[in-house]
Amino acid sequence: MNKPSRSFWLSARGMAALGLIVAASYFLLVEHRDHLLAFLPYVILLACPFMHLFMHHGHGDHGTASKEKDKHGSGGPHAH
């Protein structure tokens, strides 16, 4: 009964939106390249705390895997 719906991005409006986004991004990067390159060191410094939080999945989980490994045995070649 229900016709399977196509993705918005594959429709005519979606393609027009993608074209507009690509064109706006191109002109934004071309016209403001100097500003973006001057801001790049700060972006790298700001990325460090976010990478720490997201790669460690928040604080409080440090060492959880090693504690479970010790509980269940290492499973390595020297395990007895």
PDB file of N, CA and C in Angstrom:
ATOM      1  N   MET A   1       0.822  -1.191   0.000  1.00  0.00           N
ATOM      2  CA  MET A   1       0.000   0.000   0.000  1.00  0.00           C
ATOM      3  C   MET A   1       0.866   1.256   0.000  1.00  0.00           C
ATOM      4  N   ASN A   2       1.778   1.327   0.968  1.00  0.00           N
ATOM      5  CA  ASN A   2       2.636   2.500   1.048  1.00  0.00           C
ATOM      6  C   ASN A   2       3.786   2.381   0.071  1.00  0.00           C
ATOM      7  N   LYS A   3       3.986   3.431  -0.678  1.00  0.00           N
ATOM      8  CA  LYS A   3       5.096   3.473  -1.623  1.00  0.00           C
ATOM      9  C   LYS A   3       6.378   3.734  -0.841  1.00  0.00           C
ATOM     10  N   PRO A   4       7.456   2.947  -1.100  1.00  0.00           N
ATOM     11  CA  PRO A   4       8.692   3.208  -0.361  1.00  0.00           C
ATOM     12  C   PRO A   4       9.197   4.613  -0.652  1.00  0.00           C
ATOM     13  N   SER A   5       9.534   5.324   0.407  1.00  0.00           N
ATOM     14  CA  SER A   5       9.949   6.711   0.244  1.00  0.00           C
ATOM     15  C   SER A   5      11.421   6.773  -0.130  1.00  0.00           C
ATOM     16  N   ARG A   6      11.738   7.660  -1.062  1.00  0.00           N
ATOM     17  CA  ARG A   6      13.123   7.876  -1.446  1.00  0.00           C
ATOM     18  C   ARG A   6      13.762   8.836  -0.465  1.00  0.00           C
ATOM     19  N   SER A   7      15.029   8.799  -0.425  1.00  0.00           N
ATOM     20  CA  SER A   7      15.770   9.702   0.433  1.00  0.00           C
ATOM     21  C   SER A   7      15.578  11.135  -0.054  1.00  0.00           C
ATOM     22  N   PHE A   8      15.551  12.071   0.891  1.00  0.00           N
ATOM     23  CA  PHE A   8      15.411  13.483   0.530  1.00  0.00           C
ATOM     24  C   PHE A   8      16.566  13.922  -0.349  1.00  0.00           C
ATOM     25  N   TRP A   9      17.770  13.446  -0.065  1.00  0.00           N
ATOM     26  CA  TRP A   9      18.956  13.900  -0.787  1.00  0.00           C
ATOM     27  C   TRP A   9      18.974  13.413  -2.230  1.00  0.00           C
ATOM     28  N   LEU A  10      18.178  12.401  -2.558  1.00  0.00           N
ATOM     29  CA  LEU A  10      18.101  11.908  -3.932  1.00  0.00           C
ATOM     30  C   LEU A  10      16.970  12.564  -4.723  1.00  0.00           C
ATOM     31  N   SER A  11      16.128  13.344  -4.052  1.00  0.00           N
ATOM     32  CA  SER A  11      15.052  14.039  -4.738  1.00  0.00           C
ATOM     33  C   SER A  11      15.597  15.292  -5.419  1.00  0.00           C
ATOM     34  N   ALA A  12      14.761  15.931  -6.227  1.00  0.00           N
ATOM     35  CA  ALA A  12      15.181  17.150  -6.932  1.00  0.00           C
ATOM     36  C   ALA A  12      15.527  18.261  -5.941  1.00  0.00           C
ATOM     37  N   ARG A  13      14.726  18.404  -4.897  1.00  0.00           N
ATOM     38  CA  ARG A  13      15.007  19.428  -3.887  1.00  0.00           C
ATOM     39  C   ARG A  13      16.291  19.120  -3.123  1.00  0.00           C
ATOM     40  N   GLY A  14      16.530  17.847  -2.857  1.00  0.00           N
ATOM     41  CA  GLY A  14      17.744  17.450  -2.161  1.00  0.00           C
ATOM     42  C   GLY A  14      18.985  17.731  -2.996  1.00  0.00           C
ATOM     43  N   MET A  15      18.907  17.434  -4.297  1.00  0.00           N
ATOM     44  CA  MET A  15      20.043  17.726  -5.184  1.00  0.00           C
ATOM     45  C   MET A  15      20.289  19.229  -5.277  1.00  0.00           C
ATOM     46  N   ALA A  16      19.219  20.010  -5.309  1.00  0.00           N
ATOM     47  CA  ALA A  16      19.376  21.465  -5.334  1.00  0.00           C
ATOM     48  C   ALA A  16      20.003  21.957  -4.031  1.00  0.00           C
ATOM     49  N   ALA A  17      19.595  21.376  -2.913  1.00  0.00           N
ATOM     50  CA  ALA A  17      20.172  21.754  -1.625  1.00  0.00           C
ATOM     51  C   ALA A  17      21.651  21.382  -1.565  1.00  0.00           C
ATOM     52  N   LEU A  18      21.993  20.187  -2.069  1.00  0.00           N
ATOM     53  CA  LEU A  18      23.395  19.784  -2.097  1.00  0.00           C
ATOM     54  C   LEU A  18      24.218  20.717  -2.973  1.00  0.00           C
ATOM     55  N   GLY A  19      23.679  21.097  -4.122  1.00  0.00           N
ATOM     56  CA  GLY A  19      24.381  22.033  -5.000  1.00  0.00           C
ATOM     57  C   GLY A  19      24.603  23.373  -4.330  1.00  0.00           C
ATOM     58  N   LEU A  20      23.596  23.857  -3.631  1.00  0.00           N
ATOM     59  CA  LEU A  20      23.720  25.126  -2.918  1.00  0.00           C
ATOM     60  C   LEU A  20      24.753  25.035  -1.791  1.00  0.00           C
ATOM     61  N   ILE A  21      24.748  23.923  -1.075  1.00  0.00           N
ATOM     62  CA  ILE A  21      25.710  23.726   0.011  1.00  0.00           C
ATOM     63  C   ILE A  21      27.133  23.664  -0.535  1.00  0.00           C
ATOM     64  N   VAL A  22      27.316  22.946  -1.647  1.00  0.00           N
ATOM     65  CA  VAL A  22      28.651  22.831  -2.241  1.00  0.00           C
ATOM     66  C   VAL A  22      29.135  24.193  -2.741  1.00  0.00           C
ATOM     67  N   ALA A  23      28.256  24.932  -3.424  1.00  0.00           N
ATOM     68  CA  ALA A  23      28.651  26.249  -3.945  1.00  0.00           C
ATOM     69  C   ALA A  23      28.966  27.222  -2.806  1.00  0.00           C
ATOM     70  N   ALA A  24      28.146  27.238  -1.780  1.00  0.00           N
ATOM     71  CA  ALA A  24      28.391  28.133  -0.646  1.00  0.00           C
ATOM     72  C   ALA A  24      29.676  27.753   0.080  1.00  0.00           C
ATOM     73  N   SER A  25      29.928  26.457   0.232  1.00  0.00           N
ATOM     74  CA  SER A  25      31.153  26.012   0.894  1.00  0.00           C
ATOM     75  C   SER A  25      32.383  26.402   0.084  1.00  0.00           C
ATOM     76  N   TYR A  26      32.305  26.250  -1.231  1.00  0.00           N
ATOM     77  CA  TYR A  26      33.431  26.615  -2.095  1.00  0.00           C
ATOM     78  C   TYR A  26      33.763  28.104  -1.953  1.00  0.00           C
ATOM     79  N   PHE A  27      32.753  28.963  -2.075  1.00  0.00           N
ATOM     80  CA  PHE A  27      33.013  30.392  -1.985  1.00  0.00           C
ATOM     81  C   PHE A  27      33.446  30.806  -0.582  1.00  0.00           C
ATOM     82  N   LEU A  28      32.920  30.150   0.421  1.00  0.00           N
ATOM     83  CA  LEU A  28      33.333  30.444   1.791  1.00  0.00           C
ATOM     84  C   LEU A  28      34.806  30.097   1.995  1.00  0.00           C
ATOM     85  N   LEU A  29      35.219  28.938   1.488  1.00  0.00           N
ATOM     86  CA  LEU A  29      36.618  28.538   1.636  1.00  0.00           C
ATOM     87  C   LEU A  29      37.549  29.408   0.805  1.00  0.00           C
ATOM     88  N   VAL A  30      37.137  29.761  -0.422  1.00  0.00           N
ATOM     89  CA  VAL A  30      37.993  30.565  -1.287  1.00  0.00           C
ATOM     90  C   VAL A  30      38.157  31.981  -0.731  1.00  0.00           C
ATOM     91  N   GLU A  31      37.084  32.570  -0.316  1.00  0.00           N
ATOM     92  CA  GLU A  31      37.125  33.957   0.137  1.00  0.00           C
ATOM     93  C   GLU A  31      37.725  34.121   1.532  1.00  0.00           C
ATOM     94  N   HIS A  32      37.639  33.104   2.362  1.00  0.00           N
ATOM     95  CA  HIS A  32      38.080  33.230   3.757  1.00  0.00           C
ATOM     96  C   HIS A  32      39.216  32.279   4.087  1.00  0.00           C
ATOM     97  N   ARG A  33      39.979  31.853   3.093  1.00  0.00           N
ATOM     98  CA  ARG A  33      41.073  30.901   3.314  1.00  0.00           C
ATOM     99  C   ARG A  33      42.095  31.449   4.307  1.00  0.00           C
ATOM    100  N   ASP A  34      42.446  32.726   4.184  1.00  0.00           N
ATOM    101  CA  ASP A  34      43.442  33.303   5.088  1.00  0.00           C
ATOM    102  C   ASP A  34      42.953  33.306   6.533  1.00  0.00           C
ATOM    103  N   HIS A  35      41.682  33.608   6.727  1.00  0.00           N
ATOM    104  CA  HIS A  35      41.128  33.608   8.083  1.00  0.00           C
ATOM    105  C   HIS A  35      41.111  32.193   8.656  1.00  0.00           C
ATOM    106  N   LEU A  36      40.756  31.230   7.830  1.00  0.00           N
ATOM    107  CA  LEU A  36      40.681  29.849   8.300  1.00  0.00           C
ATOM    108  C   LEU A  36      42.067  29.303   8.626  1.00  0.00           C
ATOM    109  N   LEU A  37      43.057  29.620   7.811  1.00  0.00           N
ATOM    110  CA  LEU A  37      44.408  29.136   8.082  1.00  0.00           C
ATOM    111  C   LEU A  37      45.000  29.780   9.327  1.00  0.00           C
ATOM    112  N   ALA A  38      44.635  31.023   9.612  1.00  0.00           N
ATOM    113  CA  ALA A  38      45.109  31.676  10.827  1.00  0.00           C
ATOM    114  C   ALA A  38      44.470  31.058  12.078  1.00  0.00           C
ATOM    115  N   PHE A  39      43.277  30.517  11.938  1.00  0.00           N
ATOM    116  CA  PHE A  39      42.549  29.936  13.058  1.00  0.00           C
ATOM    117  C   PHE A  39      42.910  28.469  13.281  1.00  0.00           C
ATOM    118  N   LEU A  40      43.611  27.844  12.325  1.00  0.00           N
ATOM    119  CA  LEU A  40      43.905  26.414  12.379  1.00  0.00           C
ATOM    120  C   LEU A  40      44.657  25.972  13.634  1.00  0.00           C
ATOM    121  N   PRO A  41      45.679  26.668  14.113  1.00  0.00           N
ATOM    122  CA  PRO A  41      46.351  26.211  15.346  1.00  0.00           C
ATOM    123  C   PRO A  41      45.413  26.150  16.547  1.00  0.00           C
ATOM    124  N   TYR A  42      44.478  27.081  16.625  1.00  0.00           N
ATOM    125  CA  TYR A  42      43.525  27.059  17.738  1.00  0.00           C
ATOM    126  C   TYR A  42      42.548  25.892  17.616  1.00  0.00           C
ATOM    127  N   VAL A  43      42.191  25.540  16.403  1.00  0.00           N
ATOM    128  CA  VAL A  43      41.302  24.392  16.188  1.00  0.00           C
ATOM    129  C   VAL A  43      41.987  23.110  16.639  1.00  0.00           C
ATOM    130  N   ILE A  44      43.269  22.990  16.337  1.00  0.00           N
ATOM    131  CA  ILE A  44      44.009  21.803  16.755  1.00  0.00           C
ATOM    132  C   ILE A  44      44.082  21.737  18.275  1.00  0.00           C
ATOM    133  N   LEU A  45      44.342  22.872  18.920  1.00  0.00           N
ATOM    134  CA  LEU A  45      44.396  22.886  20.387  1.00  0.00           C
ATOM    135  C   LEU A  45      43.032  22.594  21.004  1.00  0.00           C
ATOM    136  N   LEU A  46      41.973  23.090  20.405  1.00  0.00           N
ATOM    137  CA  LEU A  46      40.637  22.821  20.925  1.00  0.00           C
ATOM    138  C   LEU A  46      40.196  21.385  20.667  1.00  0.00           C
ATOM    139  N   ALA A  47      40.758  20.755  19.651  1.00  0.00           N
ATOM    140  CA  ALA A  47      40.390  19.374  19.341  1.00  0.00           C
ATOM    141  C   ALA A  47      40.943  18.407  20.374  1.00  0.00           C
ATOM    142  N   CYS A  48      42.043  18.747  21.021  1.00  0.00           N
ATOM    143  CA  CYS A  48      42.673  17.831  21.977  1.00  0.00           C
ATOM    144  C   CYS A  48      41.736  17.425  23.122  1.00  0.00           C
ATOM    145  N   PRO A  49      41.091  18.368  23.828  1.00  0.00           N
ATOM    146  CA  PRO A  49      40.198  17.930  24.917  1.00  0.00           C
ATOM    147  C   PRO A  49      39.007  17.123  24.418  1.00  0.00           C
ATOM    148  N   PHE A  50      38.476  17.476  23.251  1.00  0.00           N
ATOM    149  CA  PHE A  50      37.343  16.726  22.723  1.00  0.00           C
ATOM    150  C   PHE A  50      37.763  15.318  22.320  1.00  0.00           C
ATOM    151  N   MET A  51      38.926  15.171  21.731  1.00  0.00           N
ATOM    152  CA  MET A  51      39.413  13.842  21.377  1.00  0.00           C
ATOM    153  C   MET A  51      39.638  13.023  22.637  1.00  0.00           C
ATOM    154  N   HIS A  52      40.150  13.644  23.687  1.00  0.00           N
ATOM    155  CA  HIS A  52      40.372  12.922  24.936  1.00  0.00           C
ATOM    156  C   HIS A  52      39.044  12.417  25.503  1.00  0.00           C
ATOM    157  N   LEU A  53      38.046  13.272  25.527  1.00  0.00           N
ATOM    158  CA  LEU A  53      36.750  12.866  26.084  1.00  0.00           C
ATOM    159  C   LEU A  53      36.070  11.798  25.239  1.00  0.00           C
ATOM    160  N   PHE A  54      36.071  11.967  23.926  1.00  0.00           N
ATOM    161  CA  PHE A  54      35.344  11.029  23.084  1.00  0.00           C
ATOM    162  C   PHE A  54      36.103   9.719  22.888  1.00  0.00           C
ATOM    163  N   MET A  55      37.415   9.764  22.897  1.00  0.00           N
ATOM    164  CA  MET A  55      38.166   8.532  22.704  1.00  0.00           C
ATOM    165  C   MET A  55      38.228   7.705  23.976  1.00  0.00           C
ATOM    166  N   HIS A  56      38.120   8.361  25.135  1.00  0.00           N
ATOM    167  CA  HIS A  56      38.087   7.637  26.398  1.00  0.00           C
ATOM    168  C   HIS A  56      36.654   7.417  26.877  1.00  0.00           C
ATOM    169  N   HIS A  57      35.689   7.868  26.133  1.00  0.00           N
ATOM    170  CA  HIS A  57      34.263   7.754  26.489  1.00  0.00           C
ATOM    171  C   HIS A  57      33.988   8.344  27.861  1.00  0.00           C
ATOM    172  N   GLY A  58      34.508   9.527  28.103  1.00  0.00           N
ATOM    173  CA  GLY A  58      34.297  10.201  29.377  1.00  0.00           C
ATOM    174  C   GLY A  58      35.309   9.731  30.405  1.00  0.00           C
ATOM    175  N   HIS A  59      35.277  10.351  31.546  1.00  0.00           N
ATOM    176  CA  HIS A  59      36.211   9.989  32.599  1.00  0.00           C
ATOM    177  C   HIS A  59      35.604   8.921  33.501  1.00  0.00           C
ATOM    178  N   GLY A  60      36.444   8.192  34.163  1.00  0.00           N
ATOM    179  CA  GLY A  60      35.974   7.166  35.087  1.00  0.00           C
ATOM    180  C   GLY A  60      36.112   5.763  34.545  1.00  0.00           C
ATOM    181  N   ASP A  61      36.395   5.594  33.270  1.00  0.00           N
ATOM    182  CA  ASP A  61      36.507   4.266  32.681  1.00  0.00           C
ATOM    183  C   ASP A  61      37.957   3.844  32.473  1.00  0.00           C
ATOM    184  N   HIS A  62      38.893   4.620  32.942  1.00  0.00           N
ATOM    185  CA  HIS A  62      40.295   4.302  32.718  1.00  0.00           C
ATOM    186  C   HIS A  62      40.655   2.989  33.405  1.00  0.00           C
ATOM    187  N   GLY A  63      41.218   2.081  32.670  1.00  0.00           N
ATOM    188  CA  GLY A  63      41.687   0.835  33.245  1.00  0.00           C
ATOM    189  C   GLY A  63      40.637  -0.231  33.397  1.00  0.00           C
ATOM    190  N   THR A  64      39.434  -0.046  32.902  1.00  0.00           N
ATOM    191  CA  THR A  64      38.370  -1.037  33.056  1.00  0.00           C
ATOM    192  C   THR A  64      38.718  -2.322  32.314  1.00  0.00           C
ATOM    193  N   ALA A  65      39.236  -2.200  31.114  1.00  0.00           N
ATOM    194  CA  ALA A  65      39.552  -3.386  30.319  1.00  0.00           C
ATOM    195  C   ALA A  65      40.658  -4.204  30.974  1.00  0.00           C
ATOM    196  N   SER A  66      41.657  -3.547  31.534  1.00  0.00           N
ATOM    197  CA  SER A  66      42.757  -4.290  32.157  1.00  0.00           C
ATOM    198  C   SER A  66      42.292  -4.975  33.438  1.00  0.00           C
ATOM    199  N   LYS A  67      41.360  -4.375  34.170  1.00  0.00           N
ATOM    200  CA  LYS A  67      40.840  -5.017  35.382  1.00  0.00           C
ATOM    201  C   LYS A  67      40.056  -6.268  35.021  1.00  0.00           C
ATOM    202  N   GLU A  68      39.241  -6.202  33.961  1.00  0.00           N
ATOM    203  CA  GLU A  68      38.483  -7.377  33.546  1.00  0.00           C
ATOM    204  C   GLU A  68      39.397  -8.449  32.996  1.00  0.00           C
ATOM    205  N   LYS A  69      40.462  -8.050  32.312  1.00  0.00           N
ATOM    206  CA  LYS A  69      41.410  -9.013  31.768  1.00  0.00           C
ATOM    207  C   LYS A  69      42.101  -9.754  32.909  1.00  0.00           C
ATOM    208  N   ASP A  70      42.446  -9.049  33.992  1.00  0.00           N
ATOM    209  CA  ASP A  70      43.080  -9.677  35.137  1.00  0.00           C
ATOM    210  C   ASP A  70      42.097 -10.620  35.836  1.00  0.00           C
ATOM    211  N   LYS A  71      40.826 -10.243  35.861  1.00  0.00           N
ATOM    212  CA  LYS A  71      39.811 -11.062  36.520  1.00  0.00           C
ATOM    213  C   LYS A  71      39.596 -12.378  35.781  1.00  0.00           C
ATOM    214  N   HIS A  72      39.580 -12.321  34.432  1.00  0.00           N
ATOM    215  CA  HIS A  72      39.292 -13.497  33.621  1.00  0.00           C
ATOM    216  C   HIS A  72      40.558 -14.186  33.132  1.00  0.00           C
ATOM    217  N   GLY A  73      41.691 -13.679  33.477  1.00  0.00           N
ATOM    218  CA  GLY A  73      42.947 -14.243  32.977  1.00  0.00           C
ATOM    219  C   GLY A  73      43.344 -13.529  31.701  1.00  0.00           C
ATOM    220  N   SER A  74      44.623 -13.470  31.450  1.00  0.00           N
ATOM    221  CA  SER A  74      45.096 -12.700  30.297  1.00  0.00           C
ATOM    222  C   SER A  74      44.804 -13.402  28.984  1.00  0.00           C
ATOM    223  N   GLY A  75      44.743 -14.729  28.981  1.00  0.00           N
ATOM    224  CA  GLY A  75      44.445 -15.451  27.748  1.00  0.00           C
ATOM    225  C   GLY A  75      45.621 -15.465  26.804  1.00  0.00           C
ATOM    226  N   GLY A  76      46.767 -15.010  27.245  1.00  0.00           N
ATOM    227  CA  GLY A  76      47.947 -14.959  26.398  1.00  0.00           C
ATOM    228  C   GLY A  76      48.636 -16.309  26.357  1.00  0.00           C
ATOM    229  N   PRO A  77      49.757 -16.392  25.660  1.00  0.00           N
ATOM    230  CA  PRO A  77      50.476 -17.654  25.528  1.00  0.00           C
ATOM    231  C   PRO A  77      51.110 -18.125  26.828  1.00  0.00           C
ATOM    232  N   HIS A  78      51.326 -17.227  27.793  1.00  0.00           N
ATOM    233  CA  HIS A  78      51.962 -17.598  29.041  1.00  0.00           C
ATOM    234  C   HIS A  78      50.957 -17.791  30.174  1.00  0.00           C
ATOM    235  N   ALA A  79      49.667 -17.828  29.849  1.00  0.00           N
ATOM    236  CA  ALA A  79      48.652 -18.001  30.896  1.00  0.00           C
ATOM    237  C   ALA A  79      48.648 -19.441  31.385  1.00  0.00           C
ATOM    238  N   HIS A  80      48.579 -19.655  32.696  1.00  0.00           N
ATOM    239  CA  HIS A  80      48.575 -21.014  33.253  1.00  0.00           C
ATOM    240  C   HIS A  80      47.293 -21.267  33.985  1.00  0.00           C
TER     241      HIS A  80
END
